[in-house]
Each structure stands twice: as C-alpha cells, then as structure tokens.
Amino acid sequence: MRDLPTIGGNAAVKKWGYIAMHAAAAAAFIFLLQRFTLSASLESSLLWALTFAVCAAGLAYKQANR
C-alpha cells in the first residue's frame, strides 16, 4: 500500500488536543475549587465543572481558529 500524504492532519490533531486539554483543565480546576475549597455538593461541583468545561472549550475553539 502507498502512504498517502496528509494535508494539515497534524495541525487538526493539535488544535483539537489543545481544545480538549483546555476544557479538561478548566473542569478539573473548578471541580476541585467547588468541592474542596467551597465545600459544595458533588452534584453541584460536577454541574459547574461541566459548565466551565463547555465554556473553556468554546473559548479555546475560537482562539484556535484565529
């Protein structure tokens, strides 16, 4: 089989990896802050972590497309 050249494949992987890393870091940060520093319930902490992850992913997506 021939190796077909990939056009921009590596850049796309880096972009989506950056977005995923940004979302995971924001979710982990807000979960730990809510759960252990502010003593919030588990459900509330998870909800806030999900909300911040979505917002962080959106911001990282907009930044990556500049």
Protein backbone atom coordinates (compact mmCIF):
# COMPACT_ATOMS: atom_id res chain seq x y z
CA MET A 1 0.00 0.00 0.00
CA ARG A 2 1.06 3.53 -0.68
CA ASP A 3 1.36 6.08 2.04
CA LEU A 4 -0.96 8.92 1.20
CA PRO A 5 0.14 12.38 2.25
CA THR A 6 -1.98 14.01 4.89
CA ILE A 7 -2.68 17.65 4.34
CA GLY A 8 -2.97 19.52 7.60
CA GLY A 9 -3.73 16.37 9.60
CA ASN A 10 -1.21 17.10 12.31
CA ALA A 11 -2.46 20.64 12.76
CA ALA A 12 -6.03 19.43 13.22
CA VAL A 13 -4.95 16.95 15.88
CA LYS A 14 -3.01 19.64 17.71
CA LYS A 15 -5.97 22.03 17.57
CA TRP A 16 -8.48 19.53 18.97
CA GLY A 17 -5.94 18.35 21.55
CA TYR A 18 -5.48 21.95 22.68
CA ILE A 19 -9.25 22.38 22.98
CA ALA A 20 -9.66 19.13 24.94
CA MET A 21 -6.76 19.98 27.26
CA HIS A 22 -8.17 23.45 27.90
CA ALA A 23 -11.62 22.04 28.71
CA ALA A 24 -10.21 19.33 30.99
CA ALA A 25 -8.03 21.78 32.90
CA ALA A 26 -10.93 24.19 33.44
CA ALA A 27 -13.24 21.37 34.56
CA ALA A 28 -10.67 19.96 36.98
CA PHE A 29 -9.89 23.38 38.42
CA ILE A 30 -13.49 24.39 39.03
CA PHE A 31 -14.42 20.94 40.38
CA LEU A 32 -11.61 21.00 42.93
CA LEU A 33 -12.36 24.59 43.86
CA GLN A 34 -16.08 23.94 44.35
CA ARG A 35 -15.78 20.56 46.04
CA PHE A 36 -12.92 21.09 48.45
CA THR A 37 -12.47 24.82 48.92
CA LEU A 38 -16.11 25.89 48.89
CA SER A 39 -17.50 22.57 50.25
CA ALA A 40 -20.21 22.29 47.61
CA SER A 41 -22.14 19.10 46.98
CA LEU A 42 -20.89 16.57 44.44
CA GLU A 43 -23.77 17.25 42.05
CA SER A 44 -23.23 20.99 42.16
CA SER A 45 -19.49 20.61 41.66
CA LEU A 46 -19.99 18.34 38.66
CA LEU A 47 -22.53 20.68 37.12
CA TRP A 48 -20.22 23.67 37.48
CA ALA A 49 -17.30 21.63 36.13
CA LEU A 50 -19.33 20.66 33.06
CA THR A 51 -20.42 24.25 32.52
CA PHE A 52 -16.88 25.60 32.76
CA ALA A 53 -15.56 22.82 30.51
CA VAL A 54 -18.03 23.72 27.77
CA CYS A 55 -17.25 27.43 28.08
CA ALA A 56 -13.49 26.80 28.08
CA ALA A 57 -13.78 24.53 25.04
CA GLY A 58 -15.73 27.23 23.22
CA LEU A 59 -13.14 29.87 24.03
CA ALA A 60 -10.27 27.58 23.02
CA TYR A 61 -12.06 26.76 19.75
CA LYS A 62 -12.48 30.44 18.92
CA GLN A 63 -8.86 31.12 19.81
CA ALA A 64 -7.59 28.19 17.73
CA ASN A 65 -9.49 29.42 14.66
CA ARG A 66 -7.96 32.90 14.67
